[in-house]
Protein backbone atom coordinates (compact mmCIF):
# COMPACT_ATOMS: atom_id res chain seq x y z
CA MET A 1 0.06 -0.07 0.05
CA THR A 2 2.81 2.36 0.67
CA ILE A 3 4.56 1.64 -2.40
CA PHE A 4 1.20 2.17 -4.39
CA ARG A 5 0.61 5.55 -2.52
CA LEU A 6 4.33 6.65 -3.52
CA SER A 7 3.94 5.48 -7.20
CA LEU A 8 0.45 7.53 -7.38
CA PHE A 9 2.26 10.43 -5.54
CA PHE A 10 4.99 10.14 -8.19
CA LEU A 11 2.98 9.95 -10.93
CA LEU A 12 0.56 13.18 -10.05
CA PHE A 13 3.93 15.01 -9.24
CA ILE A 14 4.94 14.27 -12.74
CA TYR A 15 1.67 15.41 -14.23
CA ALA A 16 1.94 18.49 -12.00
CA CYS A 17 5.43 19.60 -13.24
CA ALA A 18 4.55 18.64 -16.83
CA GLY A 19 4.41 21.47 -19.29
CA PRO A 20 1.43 22.49 -21.46
CA LYS A 21 0.50 20.55 -24.75
CA SER A 22 -0.59 22.19 -27.63
CA ALA A 23 -3.42 20.88 -30.12
CA PHE A 24 -5.88 22.26 -32.15
CA GLU A 25 -8.90 21.18 -34.84
CA VAL A 26 -9.65 23.06 -38.10
CA LEU A 27 -13.51 22.86 -38.94
CA PRO A 28 -14.56 22.07 -42.17
CA TYR A 29 -13.93 25.23 -44.41
CA GLN A 30 -14.71 26.58 -47.76
CA SER A 31 -11.22 26.45 -49.58
CA ASN A 32 -11.58 29.21 -51.77
CA ALA A 33 -10.37 32.91 -51.04
CA PRO A 34 -11.43 34.70 -49.07
CA ALA A 35 -12.18 31.85 -46.84
CA LYS A 36 -13.05 32.12 -42.94
CA VAL A 37 -11.55 29.31 -40.94
CA ILE A 38 -12.76 28.53 -37.36
CA PHE A 39 -9.84 26.98 -34.92
CA VAL A 40 -10.92 24.76 -31.95
CA ASN A 41 -8.21 24.78 -29.19
CA LYS A 42 -7.32 21.33 -27.99
CA SER A 43 -4.61 22.21 -25.70
CA GLN A 44 -4.05 21.14 -22.23
CA LYS A 45 -2.54 22.90 -19.21
CA ALA A 46 -1.86 26.30 -20.73
CA SER A 47 -2.52 29.52 -19.53
CA SER A 48 -2.20 31.75 -22.77
CA TYR A 49 -2.03 31.29 -26.82
CA PHE A 50 -0.44 32.56 -29.50
CA TRP A 51 -1.85 31.66 -33.13
CA ASP A 52 0.58 32.18 -36.34
CA PHE A 53 -1.85 31.88 -39.26
CA GLY A 54 1.08 31.80 -41.86
CA ASP A 55 -0.22 34.98 -43.72
CA GLY A 56 1.37 37.68 -41.60
CA ASN A 57 -1.47 37.62 -39.46
CA SER A 58 -1.86 36.27 -35.67
CA SER A 59 -4.27 36.28 -32.63
CA THR A 60 -4.13 35.38 -29.13
CA ASN A 61 -7.80 34.55 -28.70
CA VAL A 62 -8.29 30.89 -27.27
CA ASN A 63 -10.76 29.64 -30.47
CA PRO A 64 -10.08 32.42 -33.06
CA GLU A 65 -11.84 33.01 -36.58
CA HIS A 66 -9.49 34.08 -39.54
CA LYS A 67 -10.14 34.85 -42.93
CA PHE A 68 -7.47 33.84 -45.47
CA ILE A 69 -6.99 36.23 -48.37
CA LYS A 70 -3.81 34.78 -50.12
CA SER A 71 -4.02 31.80 -51.89
CA GLY A 72 -1.73 28.79 -51.27
CA LYS A 73 -0.48 26.60 -48.33
CA HIS A 74 -0.47 28.43 -44.81
CA THR A 75 1.16 26.78 -41.93
CA VAL A 76 -0.96 27.39 -38.96
CA THR A 77 0.91 27.34 -35.67
CA LEU A 78 -0.44 27.42 -32.23
CA THR A 79 1.90 27.90 -29.21
CA ALA A 80 0.28 27.15 -25.69
CA GLN A 81 2.47 28.53 -22.75
CA THR A 82 2.27 28.34 -19.07
CA ASP A 83 4.67 30.39 -17.28
CA LYS A 84 8.05 29.86 -19.15
CA LYS A 85 6.89 26.33 -20.49
CA VAL A 86 5.75 26.33 -23.93
CA HIS A 87 4.66 23.74 -26.78
CA LYS A 88 3.67 24.15 -30.38
CA SER A 89 1.58 22.30 -32.82
CA SER A 90 1.10 23.15 -36.52
CA GLN A 91 -1.15 22.05 -39.69
CA GLU A 92 -1.41 23.34 -43.04
CA ILE A 93 -4.35 25.11 -44.41
CA LEU A 94 -4.78 25.03 -48.33
CA ILE A 95 -6.51 28.39 -49.75
CA THR A 96 -7.44 28.48 -53.43
CA ILE A 97 -8.82 31.23 -56.14
CA ASP A 98 -11.62 30.59 -58.07
CA ASN A 99 -11.11 30.15 -61.81
CA GLU A 100 -13.14 33.89 -62.05
CA CYS A 101 -12.33 36.20 -59.44
CA LEU A 102 -14.49 39.11 -59.93
CA ILE A 103 -14.51 42.65 -57.84
CA GLU A 104 -16.90 45.76 -57.89
CA MET A 105 -15.25 48.98 -57.33
CA THR A 106 -17.61 51.89 -56.90
CA THR A 107 -16.88 55.38 -57.58
CA ASN A 108 -18.52 58.69 -57.35
CA MET A 109 -18.70 58.51 -61.25
CA GLY A 110 -20.31 54.93 -61.27
CA SER A 111 -19.22 51.28 -60.49
CA MET A 112 -17.03 49.02 -62.44
CA THR A 113 -16.81 45.01 -62.52
CA ILE A 114 -13.20 44.04 -62.62
CA GLN A 115 -11.90 40.29 -63.33
CA LEU A 116 -8.73 39.45 -61.67
CA TYR A 117 -6.18 37.08 -63.62
CA ASP A 118 -4.93 33.76 -62.00
CA GLU A 119 -1.93 34.27 -64.49
CA THR A 120 -0.85 37.08 -61.95
CA PRO A 121 -1.27 35.36 -58.50
CA LEU A 122 1.15 37.52 -56.57
CA HIS A 123 -0.67 40.84 -57.84
CA ARG A 124 -4.01 39.21 -57.78
CA ASP A 125 -3.42 38.22 -54.05
CA ASN A 126 -1.98 41.54 -52.91
CA PHE A 127 -5.23 43.33 -54.48
CA LEU A 128 -7.28 40.85 -52.46
CA LYS A 129 -5.58 41.61 -49.35
CA LEU A 130 -5.99 45.42 -49.73
CA ILE A 131 -9.45 45.04 -50.24
CA GLU A 132 -10.37 42.91 -47.70
CA SER A 133 -8.49 45.47 -45.26
CA GLY A 134 -10.40 48.79 -46.69
CA TYR A 135 -7.55 50.14 -48.18
CA TYR A 136 -9.08 51.63 -51.20
CA GLU A 137 -11.68 53.03 -49.73
CA ASP A 138 -12.04 57.02 -49.91
CA LEU A 139 -8.84 56.98 -52.13
CA LEU A 140 -8.74 59.19 -55.36
CA PHE A 141 -8.31 58.57 -59.06
CA HIS A 142 -5.38 61.15 -58.48
CA ARG A 143 -3.82 61.01 -61.94
CA VAL A 144 -5.87 61.02 -65.26
CA ILE A 145 -4.97 61.47 -68.87
CA LYS A 146 -7.42 61.39 -71.30
CA GLY A 147 -6.57 58.81 -74.00
CA PHE A 148 -4.22 56.93 -71.74
CA MET A 149 -5.27 55.93 -68.12
CA VAL A 150 -6.75 56.63 -65.17
CA GLN A 151 -4.46 55.93 -61.68
CA GLY A 152 -5.42 55.17 -58.09
CA GLY A 153 -4.24 53.65 -55.30
CA ASP A 154 -2.18 56.09 -53.28
CA PRO A 155 -2.97 56.30 -49.54
CA ASP A 156 -1.82 59.68 -49.20
CA SER A 157 -4.80 60.84 -51.61
CA LYS A 158 -7.49 60.19 -48.88
CA ASN A 159 -8.81 63.47 -47.77
CA ALA A 160 -6.05 65.22 -49.72
CA PRO A 161 -6.29 68.80 -49.77
CA GLU A 162 -6.56 70.59 -53.20
CA GLY A 163 -3.45 71.07 -54.83
CA LYS A 164 -1.68 68.42 -52.94
CA ARG A 165 1.04 66.34 -55.02
CA LEU A 166 0.22 62.71 -55.09
CA GLY A 167 1.57 59.56 -56.44
CA LEU A 168 4.36 58.62 -54.10
CA GLY A 169 2.42 56.91 -51.58
CA GLY A 170 1.95 53.05 -50.87
CA PRO A 171 3.08 50.05 -48.60
CA VAL A 172 7.07 49.59 -48.05
CA TYR A 173 7.14 46.50 -50.22
CA ASN A 174 6.99 46.10 -53.88
CA ILE A 175 5.80 43.31 -56.11
CA PRO A 176 7.79 41.28 -58.44
CA ALA A 177 6.74 41.50 -62.11
CA GLU A 178 4.72 38.90 -63.49
CA PHE A 179 4.72 39.67 -67.43
CA ASN A 180 2.36 37.49 -69.68
CA ASP A 181 2.29 37.95 -73.26
CA THR A 182 -1.26 37.22 -73.41
CA LEU A 183 -2.13 39.80 -70.81
CA VAL A 184 -1.57 43.12 -72.67
CA HIS A 185 -2.53 46.68 -72.46
CA ILE A 186 -6.02 46.94 -74.42
CA LYS A 187 -8.91 49.02 -72.98
CA GLY A 188 -10.05 48.29 -69.63
CA VAL A 189 -7.16 46.25 -68.38
CA LEU A 190 -5.97 46.66 -64.60
CA ALA A 191 -2.22 46.99 -64.27
CA ALA A 192 0.09 48.05 -61.61
CA ALA A 193 1.81 51.36 -61.42
CA ARG A 194 5.66 51.40 -60.62
CA GLN A 195 8.73 53.59 -60.39
CA GLY A 196 11.05 53.89 -63.37
CA ASP A 197 13.55 51.85 -64.60
CA GLY A 198 16.36 53.98 -63.40
CA VAL A 199 15.57 52.99 -59.99
CA ASN A 200 13.78 49.95 -60.48
CA PRO A 201 15.40 47.79 -63.23
CA LYS A 202 13.50 44.70 -62.39
CA LYS A 203 9.96 46.54 -63.11
CA GLU A 204 8.44 45.88 -59.82
CA SER A 205 5.19 46.81 -58.90
CA SER A 206 4.11 49.47 -56.56
CA GLY A 207 2.14 47.68 -53.46
CA SER A 208 -0.86 49.49 -54.22
CA GLN A 209 -1.08 51.87 -57.00
CA PHE A 210 -2.82 50.79 -60.05
CA TYR A 211 -4.24 52.12 -63.38
CA ILE A 212 -6.69 51.20 -65.66
CA VAL A 213 -6.08 51.69 -69.47
CA GLN A 214 -8.21 53.99 -71.64
CA GLY A 215 -6.01 54.26 -74.42
CA LYS A 216 -6.60 55.10 -78.11
CA PRO A 217 -7.32 52.80 -81.40
CA VAL A 218 -4.12 51.38 -82.77
CA SER A 219 -3.40 50.63 -86.20
CA ALA A 220 -2.35 47.22 -87.71
CA ILE A 221 1.02 48.71 -88.64
CA GLN A 222 1.72 49.89 -85.37
CA LEU A 223 0.77 46.93 -83.57
CA GLU A 224 3.23 44.73 -86.06
CA ASN A 225 5.88 47.61 -84.95
CA PHE A 226 5.42 46.77 -81.39
CA GLU A 227 5.48 43.00 -82.15
CA LEU A 228 8.97 43.38 -83.34
CA GLN A 229 10.18 45.75 -80.65
CA LYS A 230 8.62 43.70 -77.67
CA GLY A 231 8.93 40.16 -79.04
CA ILE A 232 5.25 39.95 -78.69
CA LYS A 233 3.01 37.66 -81.01
CA TYR A 234 -0.50 39.46 -80.35
CA THR A 235 -3.51 37.04 -80.40
CA ASP A 236 -6.19 37.83 -83.12
CA SER A 237 -8.48 38.84 -80.34
CA ALA A 238 -5.97 41.56 -78.93
CA LYS A 239 -5.18 42.88 -82.30
CA MET A 240 -9.21 43.48 -82.82
CA ILE A 241 -9.54 45.19 -79.42
CA TYR A 242 -6.53 47.16 -79.94
CA GLN A 243 -7.61 48.26 -83.44
CA GLU A 244 -11.33 48.89 -82.51
CA MET A 245 -11.79 50.13 -78.72
CA GLY A 246 -8.15 50.99 -78.18
CA GLY A 247 -5.43 50.58 -75.65
CA ALA A 248 -1.61 51.54 -74.71
CA PRO A 249 0.73 48.50 -76.37
CA GLN A 250 3.59 50.61 -75.64
CA LEU A 251 3.53 49.81 -71.99
CA ASP A 252 3.27 45.78 -72.70
CA LYS A 253 6.07 43.99 -71.01
CA GLU A 254 6.72 47.08 -69.05
CA TYR A 255 4.12 47.08 -66.45
CA THR A 256 2.35 44.05 -64.95
CA VAL A 257 -1.40 43.57 -66.34
CA PHE A 258 -3.39 41.49 -63.71
CA GLY A 259 -7.08 42.28 -64.53
CA ARG A 260 -9.58 43.79 -66.66
CA VAL A 261 -12.81 45.77 -66.20
CA ILE A 262 -15.58 43.41 -67.77
CA ASP A 263 -18.62 45.69 -67.02
CA GLY A 264 -18.31 49.44 -66.96
CA LEU A 265 -15.98 50.56 -69.48
CA ASP A 266 -18.03 53.71 -69.68
CA ILE A 267 -16.89 54.74 -66.26
CA ILE A 268 -13.31 55.02 -67.19
CA ASP A 269 -14.19 57.31 -70.25
CA THR A 270 -16.29 59.35 -67.90
CA ILE A 271 -13.43 59.67 -65.48
CA ALA A 272 -11.04 60.36 -68.21
CA GLU A 273 -13.08 63.39 -69.28
CA GLN A 274 -12.42 65.19 -66.08
CA ALA A 275 -10.40 68.48 -66.28
CA THR A 276 -7.09 68.19 -64.37
CA ASP A 277 -4.41 70.29 -63.14
CA ASN A 278 -0.99 70.34 -64.27
CA THR A 279 -0.17 67.40 -62.32
CA ASP A 280 -3.09 65.50 -64.00
CA ARG A 281 -5.00 65.52 -60.80
CA PRO A 282 -8.89 66.19 -61.64
CA LEU A 283 -10.09 69.43 -60.40
CA LYS A 284 -13.34 67.78 -59.13
CA ASP A 285 -12.25 64.60 -56.97
CA VAL A 286 -12.74 61.22 -58.32
CA LYS A 287 -13.08 59.19 -55.06
CA ILE A 288 -13.24 55.30 -54.86
CA ILE A 289 -16.10 54.59 -52.44
CA SER A 290 -15.64 50.85 -51.89
CA VAL A 291 -14.07 47.68 -53.49
CA LYS A 292 -15.40 44.53 -52.74
CA VAL A 293 -15.30 40.82 -53.87
CA ILE A 294 -18.38 39.60 -55.50
CA LYS A 295 -16.97 36.10 -56.61
């Protein structure tokens, strides 16, 4: 009996001295981004928790919900802690993007439906991340050049006073170029702004600034010259749109195209008609009211 009591005491002592054990369950989730995932904490003997969702976000909630915006494999790690003792466990979350990702951009001039391209996943996922955070709300189309393009996405444009020079703001990161010969600057395309080649020889894109092409009709001879200059073979569809609707082929393989307006092309024309100052900023603010994912 004495030996049994000692053994039991010893086991209880070991259990009391043992550290926390991290464990969690992932409830069934829709894998297409943006995807909300619910985590159920199964940890033992822990007094605090730290969740790393593998996409740059974290939480200290016991049973958190997290919305994944970026596609790809995300390693979720839960750190359970008691005093100075910690234990970690991890699971992998796979997030995908639908074949057709559509967003709606509403401005004070009207709304546009924009398709984001799967062929440029870095730009697509970054744009979705910013949309989800509300980044673009109340920003301006701060640079408008009729017959060329309309540009927005500078965070410094929010509530910018009249005459303030804009175009230099944005996140501290750039996005590697994602050139694709089939994604060219026909009317309506969404493309990423960037700094010039002198300081940006890799042609990396701005973290937030974008432009939408209006452009002008391009002749067949001009397109042939651009094909030779840029080493591009335009598809018959691209040639037809360039010639009938217009575009800016001089930008092909210079700036990353990552989407296109599929409804609301007339809004681009309306914005492009606005009177501007000597820095191409519209005299009357053209404001982005909201941007949201609709599919």
